[in-house]
Amino acid sequence: MVNLSNINGFDWDDFNRDKNWQKHGVLWVECEEVFFNEPVLLYFDDKHSNEESRFYALGRTDNKRDLFIVFTLRNDKIRVISARDMNKKEKSQYEKYSKI
C-alpha cells in the first residue's frame, strides 16, 4: 500500500495537466479532489516503475466522478502523470472495496 502521510501538496507538469483535459476531459482540480475523498484506493504500479516509482489511485471527485489516476511522488508532492475515467473492471474493484 502507498503511504501519503508525508505529502505536502501537488506538483503539476503543464503538459500532463493539459493532456489530461484534452485527451480525457479531466481537470487538474478533479485529480486533487480524489486524494481528499474517501475511499481512495492506492496501489504501487510495478509494471511501469522502471525509472521511478509509479502508483495509481482509484477514487471519486466531489461530483461523484470515478477516476483512475497514475502518479509519482517527488520530494513531498504528488505529481499526476495521467488521469481518466475508471473502466468497468476498475469501477467494479472500487465499488467492491467501498462497500466493505
PDB file of N, CA and C in Angstrom:
ATOM      1  N   MET A   1       0.841  -1.194   0.000  1.00  0.00           N
ATOM      2  CA  MET A   1       0.000   0.000   0.000  1.00  0.00           C
ATOM      3  C   MET A   1       0.885   1.256   0.000  1.00  0.00           C
ATOM      4  N   VAL A   2       0.318   2.329  -0.390  1.00  0.00           N
ATOM      5  CA  VAL A   2       1.033   3.589  -0.520  1.00  0.00           C
ATOM      6  C   VAL A   2       0.732   4.466   0.688  1.00  0.00           C
ATOM      7  N   ASN A   3       1.752   5.069   1.258  1.00  0.00           N
ATOM      8  CA  ASN A   3       1.578   5.955   2.403  1.00  0.00           C
ATOM      9  C   ASN A   3       1.754   7.404   1.949  1.00  0.00           C
ATOM     10  N   LEU A   4       0.712   8.191   2.080  1.00  0.00           N
ATOM     11  CA  LEU A   4       0.770   9.600   1.672  1.00  0.00           C
ATOM     12  C   LEU A   4       0.796  10.548   2.869  1.00  0.00           C
ATOM     13  N   SER A   5       1.132  10.041   4.042  1.00  0.00           N
ATOM     14  CA  SER A   5       1.071  10.868   5.251  1.00  0.00           C
ATOM     15  C   SER A   5       2.069  12.025   5.237  1.00  0.00           C
ATOM     16  N   ASN A   6       3.155  11.919   4.489  1.00  0.00           N
ATOM     17  CA  ASN A   6       4.159  12.983   4.448  1.00  0.00           C
ATOM     18  C   ASN A   6       4.009  13.903   3.236  1.00  0.00           C
ATOM     19  N   ILE A   7       2.926  13.765   2.509  1.00  0.00           N
ATOM     20  CA  ILE A   7       2.728  14.560   1.291  1.00  0.00           C
ATOM     21  C   ILE A   7       2.307  15.987   1.655  1.00  0.00           C
ATOM     22  N   ASN A   8       2.882  16.922   0.902  1.00  0.00           N
ATOM     23  CA  ASN A   8       2.634  18.338   1.157  1.00  0.00           C
ATOM     24  C   ASN A   8       2.222  19.046  -0.133  1.00  0.00           C
ATOM     25  N   GLY A   9       1.174  18.550  -0.777  1.00  0.00           N
ATOM     26  CA  GLY A   9       0.661  19.225  -1.956  1.00  0.00           C
ATOM     27  C   GLY A   9       0.914  18.474  -3.253  1.00  0.00           C
ATOM     28  N   PHE A  10       0.763  19.220  -4.348  1.00  0.00           N
ATOM     29  CA  PHE A  10       0.848  18.657  -5.695  1.00  0.00           C
ATOM     30  C   PHE A  10       1.892  19.407  -6.507  1.00  0.00           C
ATOM     31  N   ASP A  11       2.509  18.697  -7.430  1.00  0.00           N
ATOM     32  CA  ASP A  11       3.488  19.262  -8.354  1.00  0.00           C
ATOM     33  C   ASP A  11       2.946  19.017  -9.755  1.00  0.00           C
ATOM     34  N   TRP A  12       2.491  20.071 -10.429  1.00  0.00           N
ATOM     35  CA  TRP A  12       1.836  19.914 -11.728  1.00  0.00           C
ATOM     36  C   TRP A  12       2.774  20.215 -12.881  1.00  0.00           C
ATOM     37  N   ASP A  13       2.813  19.307 -13.825  1.00  0.00           N
ATOM     38  CA  ASP A  13       3.507  19.488 -15.087  1.00  0.00           C
ATOM     39  C   ASP A  13       2.472  20.030 -16.071  1.00  0.00           C
ATOM     40  N   ASP A  14       2.736  21.184 -16.676  1.00  0.00           N
ATOM     41  CA  ASP A  14       1.760  21.815 -17.571  1.00  0.00           C
ATOM     42  C   ASP A  14       1.322  20.886 -18.698  1.00  0.00           C
ATOM     43  N   PHE A  15       2.263  20.137 -19.266  1.00  0.00           N
ATOM     44  CA  PHE A  15       1.925  19.240 -20.369  1.00  0.00           C
ATOM     45  C   PHE A  15       0.924  18.176 -19.928  1.00  0.00           C
ATOM     46  N   ASN A  16       1.197  17.500 -18.806  1.00  0.00           N
ATOM     47  CA  ASN A  16       0.294  16.452 -18.327  1.00  0.00           C
ATOM     48  C   ASN A  16      -1.055  17.009 -17.897  1.00  0.00           C
ATOM     49  N   ARG A  17      -1.032  18.179 -17.276  1.00  0.00           N
ATOM     50  CA  ARG A  17      -2.300  18.802 -16.852  1.00  0.00           C
ATOM     51  C   ARG A  17      -3.176  19.079 -18.074  1.00  0.00           C
ATOM     52  N   ASP A  18      -2.585  19.646 -19.113  1.00  0.00           N
ATOM     53  CA  ASP A  18      -3.339  19.948 -20.326  1.00  0.00           C
ATOM     54  C   ASP A  18      -3.730  18.682 -21.081  1.00  0.00           C
ATOM     55  N   LYS A  19      -2.827  17.686 -21.101  1.00  0.00           N
ATOM     56  CA  LYS A  19      -3.098  16.423 -21.794  1.00  0.00           C
ATOM     57  C   LYS A  19      -4.298  15.711 -21.167  1.00  0.00           C
ATOM     58  N   ASN A  20      -4.376  15.703 -19.849  1.00  0.00           N
ATOM     59  CA  ASN A  20      -5.500  15.048 -19.177  1.00  0.00           C
ATOM     60  C   ASN A  20      -6.827  15.710 -19.546  1.00  0.00           C
ATOM     61  N   TRP A  21      -6.813  17.010 -19.691  1.00  0.00           N
ATOM     62  CA  TRP A  21      -8.027  17.716 -20.084  1.00  0.00           C
ATOM     63  C   TRP A  21      -8.369  17.437 -21.550  1.00  0.00           C
ATOM     64  N   GLN A  22      -7.386  17.578 -22.432  1.00  0.00           N
ATOM     65  CA  GLN A  22      -7.632  17.405 -23.862  1.00  0.00           C
ATOM     66  C   GLN A  22      -7.983  15.969 -24.229  1.00  0.00           C
ATOM     67  N   LYS A  23      -7.299  15.002 -23.636  1.00  0.00           N
ATOM     68  CA  LYS A  23      -7.490  13.605 -24.004  1.00  0.00           C
ATOM     69  C   LYS A  23      -8.654  12.942 -23.270  1.00  0.00           C
ATOM     70  N   HIS A  24      -8.846  13.297 -21.985  1.00  0.00           N
ATOM     71  CA  HIS A  24      -9.834  12.591 -21.171  1.00  0.00           C
ATOM     72  C   HIS A  24     -10.882  13.498 -20.519  1.00  0.00           C
ATOM     73  N   GLY A  25     -10.772  14.811 -20.725  1.00  0.00           N
ATOM     74  CA  GLY A  25     -11.740  15.733 -20.136  1.00  0.00           C
ATOM     75  C   GLY A  25     -11.666  15.801 -18.621  1.00  0.00           C
ATOM     76  N   VAL A  26     -10.471  15.564 -18.062  1.00  0.00           N
ATOM     77  CA  VAL A  26     -10.292  15.587 -16.607  1.00  0.00           C
ATOM     78  C   VAL A  26      -9.525  16.844 -16.223  1.00  0.00           C
ATOM     79  N   LEU A  27     -10.112  17.641 -15.366  1.00  0.00           N
ATOM     80  CA  LEU A  27      -9.469  18.857 -14.871  1.00  0.00           C
ATOM     81  C   LEU A  27      -8.502  18.527 -13.741  1.00  0.00           C
ATOM     82  N   TRP A  28      -7.456  19.325 -13.592  1.00  0.00           N
ATOM     83  CA  TRP A  28      -6.466  19.107 -12.543  1.00  0.00           C
ATOM     84  C   TRP A  28      -7.101  19.134 -11.163  1.00  0.00           C
ATOM     85  N   VAL A  29      -8.072  19.992 -10.970  1.00  0.00           N
ATOM     86  CA  VAL A  29      -8.713  20.094  -9.655  1.00  0.00           C
ATOM     87  C   VAL A  29      -9.481  18.815  -9.312  1.00  0.00           C
ATOM     88  N   GLU A  30     -10.031  18.133 -10.329  1.00  0.00           N
ATOM     89  CA  GLU A  30     -10.710  16.859 -10.089  1.00  0.00           C
ATOM     90  C   GLU A  30      -9.711  15.813  -9.588  1.00  0.00           C
ATOM     91  N   CYS A  31      -8.525  15.821 -10.162  1.00  0.00           N
ATOM     92  CA  CYS A  31      -7.482  14.884  -9.719  1.00  0.00           C
ATOM     93  C   CYS A  31      -7.159  15.105  -8.247  1.00  0.00           C
ATOM     94  N   GLU A  32      -6.992  16.343  -7.864  1.00  0.00           N
ATOM     95  CA  GLU A  32      -6.670  16.645  -6.471  1.00  0.00           C
ATOM     96  C   GLU A  32      -7.791  16.217  -5.531  1.00  0.00           C
ATOM     97  N   GLU A  33      -9.045  16.416  -5.943  1.00  0.00           N
ATOM     98  CA  GLU A  33     -10.186  16.035  -5.097  1.00  0.00           C
ATOM     99  C   GLU A  33     -10.152  14.559  -4.727  1.00  0.00           C
ATOM    100  N   VAL A  34      -9.750  13.712  -5.670  1.00  0.00           N
ATOM    101  CA  VAL A  34      -9.722  12.263  -5.443  1.00  0.00           C
ATOM    102  C   VAL A  34      -8.909  11.922  -4.192  1.00  0.00           C
ATOM    103  N   PHE A  35      -7.790  12.609  -3.980  1.00  0.00           N
ATOM    104  CA  PHE A  35      -6.907  12.298  -2.861  1.00  0.00           C
ATOM    105  C   PHE A  35      -7.458  12.762  -1.515  1.00  0.00           C
ATOM    106  N   PHE A  36      -8.495  13.588  -1.533  1.00  0.00           N
ATOM    107  CA  PHE A  36      -9.091  14.080  -0.290  1.00  0.00           C
ATOM    108  C   PHE A  36     -10.426  13.424   0.026  1.00  0.00           C
ATOM    109  N   ASN A  37     -10.959  12.642  -0.895  1.00  0.00           N
ATOM    110  CA  ASN A  37     -12.257  11.990  -0.701  1.00  0.00           C
ATOM    111  C   ASN A  37     -12.059  10.534  -0.315  1.00  0.00           C
ATOM    112  N   GLU A  38     -12.974  10.027   0.474  1.00  0.00           N
ATOM    113  CA  GLU A  38     -12.941   8.628   0.912  1.00  0.00           C
ATOM    114  C   GLU A  38     -14.008   7.843   0.183  1.00  0.00           C
ATOM    115  N   PRO A  39     -13.754   6.593  -0.141  1.00  0.00           N
ATOM    116  CA  PRO A  39     -12.435   5.972  -0.056  1.00  0.00           C
ATOM    117  C   PRO A  39     -11.610   6.293  -1.291  1.00  0.00           C
ATOM    118  N   VAL A  40     -10.316   6.249  -1.124  1.00  0.00           N
ATOM    119  CA  VAL A  40      -9.386   6.306  -2.254  1.00  0.00           C
ATOM    120  C   VAL A  40      -8.486   5.082  -2.129  1.00  0.00           C
ATOM    121  N   LEU A  41      -8.391   4.314  -3.206  1.00  0.00           N
ATOM    122  CA  LEU A  41      -7.568   3.112  -3.217  1.00  0.00           C
ATOM    123  C   LEU A  41      -6.244   3.447  -3.886  1.00  0.00           C
ATOM    124  N   LEU A  42      -5.144   3.146  -3.228  1.00  0.00           N
ATOM    125  CA  LEU A  42      -3.819   3.488  -3.718  1.00  0.00           C
ATOM    126  C   LEU A  42      -2.996   2.218  -3.899  1.00  0.00           C
ATOM    127  N   TYR A  43      -2.328   2.100  -5.038  1.00  0.00           N
ATOM    128  CA  TYR A  43      -1.556   0.909  -5.369  1.00  0.00           C
ATOM    129  C   TYR A  43      -0.213   1.282  -5.984  1.00  0.00           C
ATOM    130  N   PHE A  44       0.778   0.426  -5.742  1.00  0.00           N
ATOM    131  CA  PHE A  44       2.072   0.547  -6.401  1.00  0.00           C
ATOM    132  C   PHE A  44       1.946  -0.058  -7.797  1.00  0.00           C
ATOM    133  N   ASP A  45       2.454   0.634  -8.803  1.00  0.00           N
ATOM    134  CA  ASP A  45       2.384   0.173 -10.190  1.00  0.00           C
ATOM    135  C   ASP A  45       3.736  -0.416 -10.584  1.00  0.00           C
ATOM    136  N   ASP A  46       3.949  -1.694 -10.255  1.00  0.00           N
ATOM    137  CA  ASP A  46       5.251  -2.301 -10.507  1.00  0.00           C
ATOM    138  C   ASP A  46       5.549  -2.493 -11.985  1.00  0.00           C
ATOM    139  N   LYS A  47       4.526  -2.578 -12.823  1.00  0.00           N
ATOM    140  CA  LYS A  47       4.740  -2.729 -14.274  1.00  0.00           C
ATOM    141  C   LYS A  47       5.410  -1.507 -14.892  1.00  0.00           C
ATOM    142  N   HIS A  48       5.092  -0.325 -14.380  1.00  0.00           N
ATOM    143  CA  HIS A  48       5.550   0.919 -15.000  1.00  0.00           C
ATOM    144  C   HIS A  48       6.506   1.707 -14.109  1.00  0.00           C
ATOM    145  N   SER A  49       7.189   1.035 -13.208  1.00  0.00           N
ATOM    146  CA  SER A  49       8.078   1.719 -12.266  1.00  0.00           C
ATOM    147  C   SER A  49       9.550   1.482 -12.587  1.00  0.00           C
ATOM    148  N   ASN A  50       9.902   1.530 -13.849  1.00  0.00           N
ATOM    149  CA  ASN A  50      11.281   1.277 -14.246  1.00  0.00           C
ATOM    150  C   ASN A  50      12.223   2.414 -13.864  1.00  0.00           C
ATOM    151  N   GLU A  51      11.888   3.636 -14.238  1.00  0.00           N
ATOM    152  CA  GLU A  51      12.762   4.774 -13.986  1.00  0.00           C
ATOM    153  C   GLU A  51      12.480   5.451 -12.652  1.00  0.00           C
ATOM    154  N   GLU A  52      11.242   5.455 -12.233  1.00  0.00           N
ATOM    155  CA  GLU A  52      10.859   5.993 -10.932  1.00  0.00           C
ATOM    156  C   GLU A  52       9.611   5.247 -10.456  1.00  0.00           C
ATOM    157  N   SER A  53       9.383   5.235  -9.175  1.00  0.00           N
ATOM    158  CA  SER A  53       8.214   4.539  -8.636  1.00  0.00           C
ATOM    159  C   SER A  53       6.943   5.243  -9.081  1.00  0.00           C
ATOM    160  N   ARG A  54       6.035   4.445  -9.608  1.00  0.00           N
ATOM    161  CA  ARG A  54       4.727   4.960 -10.020  1.00  0.00           C
ATOM    162  C   ARG A  54       3.640   4.260  -9.228  1.00  0.00           C
ATOM    163  N   PHE A  55       2.555   4.975  -9.068  1.00  0.00           N
ATOM    164  CA  PHE A  55       1.418   4.481  -8.312  1.00  0.00           C
ATOM    165  C   PHE A  55       0.158   4.794  -9.082  1.00  0.00           C
ATOM    166  N   TYR A  56      -0.939   4.154  -8.693  1.00  0.00           N
ATOM    167  CA  TYR A  56      -2.220   4.560  -9.250  1.00  0.00           C
ATOM    168  C   TYR A  56      -3.254   4.618  -8.148  1.00  0.00           C
ATOM    169  N   ALA A  57      -4.230   5.461  -8.377  1.00  0.00           N
ATOM    170  CA  ALA A  57      -5.301   5.680  -7.416  1.00  0.00           C
ATOM    171  C   ALA A  57      -6.641   5.461  -8.101  1.00  0.00           C
ATOM    172  N   LEU A  58      -7.557   4.862  -7.381  1.00  0.00           N
ATOM    173  CA  LEU A  58      -8.957   4.784  -7.784  1.00  0.00           C
ATOM    174  C   LEU A  58      -9.725   5.600  -6.768  1.00  0.00           C
ATOM    175  N   GLY A  59     -10.463   6.580  -7.259  1.00  0.00           N
ATOM    176  CA  GLY A  59     -11.183   7.439  -6.328  1.00  0.00           C
ATOM    177  C   GLY A  59     -12.269   8.241  -6.992  1.00  0.00           C
ATOM    178  N   ARG A  60     -12.941   9.036  -6.177  1.00  0.00           N
ATOM    179  CA  ARG A  60     -14.130   9.776  -6.610  1.00  0.00           C
ATOM    180  C   ARG A  60     -13.941  11.265  -6.368  1.00  0.00           C
ATOM    181  N   THR A  61     -14.392  12.056  -7.335  1.00  0.00           N
ATOM    182  CA  THR A  61     -14.340  13.520  -7.208  1.00  0.00           C
ATOM    183  C   THR A  61     -15.510  14.000  -6.358  1.00  0.00           C
ATOM    184  N   ASP A  62     -15.522  15.282  -6.076  1.00  0.00           N
ATOM    185  CA  ASP A  62     -16.630  15.872  -5.316  1.00  0.00           C
ATOM    186  C   ASP A  62     -17.958  15.720  -6.050  1.00  0.00           C
ATOM    187  N   ASN A  63     -17.907  15.636  -7.384  1.00  0.00           N
ATOM    188  CA  ASN A  63     -19.127  15.480  -8.192  1.00  0.00           C
ATOM    189  C   ASN A  63     -19.422  14.023  -8.522  1.00  0.00           C
ATOM    190  N   LYS A  64     -18.809  13.092  -7.762  1.00  0.00           N
ATOM    191  CA  LYS A  64     -19.060  11.643  -7.890  1.00  0.00           C
ATOM    192  C   LYS A  64     -18.557  11.053  -9.210  1.00  0.00           C
ATOM    193  N   ARG A  65     -17.545  11.652  -9.788  1.00  0.00           N
ATOM    194  CA  ARG A  65     -16.909  11.099 -10.990  1.00  0.00           C
ATOM    195  C   ARG A  65     -15.812  10.137 -10.546  1.00  0.00           C
ATOM    196  N   ASP A  66     -15.844   8.916 -11.055  1.00  0.00           N
ATOM    197  CA  ASP A  66     -14.873   7.894 -10.688  1.00  0.00           C
ATOM    198  C   ASP A  66     -13.654   7.986 -11.600  1.00  0.00           C
ATOM    199  N   LEU A  67     -12.473   8.223 -10.994  1.00  0.00           N
ATOM    200  CA  LEU A  67     -11.257   8.434 -11.773  1.00  0.00           C
ATOM    201  C   LEU A  67     -10.175   7.417 -11.448  1.00  0.00           C
ATOM    202  N   PHE A  68      -9.379   7.105 -12.469  1.00  0.00           N
ATOM    203  CA  PHE A  68      -8.156   6.316 -12.376  1.00  0.00           C
ATOM    204  C   PHE A  68      -7.019   7.305 -12.593  1.00  0.00           C
ATOM    205  N   ILE A  69      -6.115   7.407 -11.629  1.00  0.00           N
ATOM    206  CA  ILE A  69      -5.037   8.394 -11.699  1.00  0.00           C
ATOM    207  C   ILE A  69      -3.690   7.697 -11.527  1.00  0.00           C
ATOM    208  N   VAL A  70      -2.777   7.946 -12.455  1.00  0.00           N
ATOM    209  CA  VAL A  70      -1.404   7.469 -12.343  1.00  0.00           C
ATOM    210  C   VAL A  70      -0.582   8.647 -11.819  1.00  0.00           C
ATOM    211  N   PHE A  71       0.265   8.365 -10.808  1.00  0.00           N
ATOM    212  CA  PHE A  71       1.054   9.453 -10.233  1.00  0.00           C
ATOM    213  C   PHE A  71       2.378   8.923  -9.710  1.00  0.00           C
ATOM    214  N   THR A  72       3.259   9.856  -9.440  1.00  0.00           N
ATOM    215  CA  THR A  72       4.528   9.553  -8.793  1.00  0.00           C
ATOM    216  C   THR A  72       4.675  10.506  -7.618  1.00  0.00           C
ATOM    217  N   LEU A  73       5.640  10.233  -6.768  1.00  0.00           N
ATOM    218  CA  LEU A  73       5.918  11.111  -5.625  1.00  0.00           C
ATOM    219  C   LEU A  73       7.278  11.737  -5.856  1.00  0.00           C
ATOM    220  N   ARG A  74       7.313  13.059  -5.826  1.00  0.00           N
ATOM    221  CA  ARG A  74       8.577  13.784  -5.994  1.00  0.00           C
ATOM    222  C   ARG A  74       8.750  14.686  -4.788  1.00  0.00           C
ATOM    223  N   ASN A  75       9.822  14.418  -4.063  1.00  0.00           N
ATOM    224  CA  ASN A  75      10.062  15.094  -2.784  1.00  0.00           C
ATOM    225  C   ASN A  75       8.853  14.826  -1.904  1.00  0.00           C
ATOM    226  N   ASP A  76       8.104  15.812  -1.539  1.00  0.00           N
ATOM    227  CA  ASP A  76       6.942  15.600  -0.673  1.00  0.00           C
ATOM    228  C   ASP A  76       5.638  15.969  -1.393  1.00  0.00           C
ATOM    229  N   LYS A  77       5.622  15.814  -2.722  1.00  0.00           N
ATOM    230  CA  LYS A  77       4.453  16.209  -3.516  1.00  0.00           C
ATOM    231  C   LYS A  77       3.986  15.077  -4.431  1.00  0.00           C
ATOM    232  N   ILE A  78       2.684  15.088  -4.725  1.00  0.00           N
ATOM    233  CA  ILE A  78       2.088  14.167  -5.689  1.00  0.00           C
ATOM    234  C   ILE A  78       2.211  14.807  -7.068  1.00  0.00           C
ATOM    235  N   ARG A  79       2.754  14.073  -8.022  1.00  0.00           N
ATOM    236  CA  ARG A  79       2.859  14.550  -9.405  1.00  0.00           C
ATOM    237  C   ARG A  79       2.009  13.631 -10.275  1.00  0.00           C
ATOM    238  N   VAL A  80       0.872  14.161 -10.740  1.00  0.00           N
ATOM    239  CA  VAL A  80      -0.051  13.376 -11.565  1.00  0.00           C
ATOM    240  C   VAL A  80       0.528  13.238 -12.963  1.00  0.00           C
ATOM    241  N   ILE A  81       0.564  12.010 -13.445  1.00  0.00           N
ATOM    242  CA  ILE A  81       1.067  11.714 -14.779  1.00  0.00           C
ATOM    243  C   ILE A  81      -0.087  11.593 -15.766  1.00  0.00           C
ATOM    244  N   SER A  82      -1.150  10.935 -15.322  1.00  0.00           N
ATOM    245  CA  SER A  82      -2.283  10.683 -16.207  1.00  0.00           C
ATOM    246  C   SER A  82      -3.542  10.509 -15.382  1.00  0.00           C
ATOM    247  N   ALA A  83      -4.675  10.907 -15.949  1.00  0.00           N
ATOM    248  CA  ALA A  83      -5.968  10.750 -15.274  1.00  0.00           C
ATOM    249  C   ALA A  83      -7.054  10.524 -16.317  1.00  0.00           C
ATOM    250  N   ARG A  84      -7.957   9.592 -15.990  1.00  0.00           N
ATOM    251  CA  ARG A  84      -9.069   9.274 -16.885  1.00  0.00           C
ATOM    252  C   ARG A  84     -10.191   8.675 -16.058  1.00  0.00           C
ATOM    253  N   ASP A  85     -11.358   8.491 -16.701  1.00  0.00           N
ATOM    254  CA  ASP A  85     -12.456   7.809 -16.031  1.00  0.00           C
ATOM    255  C   ASP A  85     -12.091   6.343 -15.824  1.00  0.00           C
ATOM    256  N   MET A  86     -12.570   5.766 -14.730  1.00  0.00           N
ATOM    257  CA  MET A  86     -12.338   4.342 -14.481  1.00  0.00           C
ATOM    258  C   MET A  86     -13.015   3.512 -15.561  1.00  0.00           C
ATOM    259  N   ASN A  87     -12.375   2.401 -15.916  1.00  0.00           N
ATOM    260  CA  ASN A  87     -13.034   1.455 -16.816  1.00  0.00           C
ATOM    261  C   ASN A  87     -13.942   0.535 -15.975  1.00  0.00           C
ATOM    262  N   LYS A  88     -14.628  -0.366 -16.622  1.00  0.00           N
ATOM    263  CA  LYS A  88     -15.604  -1.228 -15.955  1.00  0.00           C
ATOM    264  C   LYS A  88     -14.967  -2.074 -14.844  1.00  0.00           C
ATOM    265  N   LYS A  89     -13.815  -2.661 -15.122  1.00  0.00           N
ATOM    266  CA  LYS A  89     -13.128  -3.508 -14.142  1.00  0.00           C
ATOM    267  C   LYS A  89     -12.673  -2.687 -12.932  1.00  0.00           C
ATOM    268  N   GLU A  90     -12.114  -1.525 -13.184  1.00  0.00           N
ATOM    269  CA  GLU A  90     -11.658  -0.652 -12.095  1.00  0.00           C
ATOM    270  C   GLU A  90     -12.829  -0.184 -11.241  1.00  0.00           C
ATOM    271  N   LYS A  91     -13.928   0.167 -11.898  1.00  0.00           N
ATOM    272  CA  LYS A  91     -15.119   0.620 -11.171  1.00  0.00           C
ATOM    273  C   LYS A  91     -15.660  -0.493 -10.272  1.00  0.00           C
ATOM    274  N   SER A  92     -15.655  -1.722 -10.786  1.00  0.00           N
ATOM    275  CA  SER A  92     -16.113  -2.863 -10.005  1.00  0.00           C
ATOM    276  C   SER A  92     -15.221  -3.068  -8.782  1.00  0.00           C
ATOM    277  N   GLN A  93     -13.908  -2.969  -8.976  1.00  0.00           N
ATOM    278  CA  GLN A  93     -12.958  -3.106  -7.872  1.00  0.00           C
ATOM    279  C   GLN A  93     -13.192  -2.012  -6.827  1.00  0.00           C
ATOM    280  N   TYR A  94     -13.382  -0.780  -7.285  1.00  0.00           N
ATOM    281  CA  TYR A  94     -13.597   0.348  -6.380  1.00  0.00           C
ATOM    282  C   TYR A  94     -14.892   0.173  -5.592  1.00  0.00           C
ATOM    283  N   GLU A  95     -15.956  -0.197  -6.272  1.00  0.00           N
ATOM    284  CA  GLU A  95     -17.245  -0.350  -5.604  1.00  0.00           C
ATOM    285  C   GLU A  95     -17.227  -1.503  -4.610  1.00  0.00           C
ATOM    286  N   LYS A  96     -16.520  -2.569  -4.936  1.00  0.00           N
ATOM    287  CA  LYS A  96     -16.405  -3.710  -4.018  1.00  0.00           C
ATOM    288  C   LYS A  96     -15.722  -3.274  -2.727  1.00  0.00           C
ATOM    289  N   TYR A  97     -14.642  -2.525  -2.845  1.00  0.00           N
ATOM    290  CA  TYR A  97     -13.916  -2.073  -1.671  1.00  0.00           C
ATOM    291  C   TYR A  97     -14.729  -1.060  -0.863  1.00  0.00           C
ATOM    292  N   SER A  98     -15.403  -0.151  -1.553  1.00  0.00           N
ATOM    293  CA  SER A  98     -16.112   0.927  -0.851  1.00  0.00           C
ATOM    294  C   SER A  98     -17.325   0.422  -0.072  1.00  0.00           C
ATOM    295  N   LYS A  99     -17.759  -0.813  -0.340  1.00  0.00           N
ATOM    296  CA  LYS A  99     -18.906  -1.391   0.386  1.00  0.00           C
ATOM    297  C   LYS A  99     -18.477  -2.190   1.601  1.00  0.00           C
ATOM    298  N   ILE A 100     -17.184  -2.386   1.782  1.00  0.00           N
ATOM    299  CA  ILE A 100     -16.696  -3.174   2.919  1.00  0.00           C
ATOM    300  C   ILE A 100     -16.857  -2.386   4.203  1.00  0.00           C
TER     301      ILE A 100
END
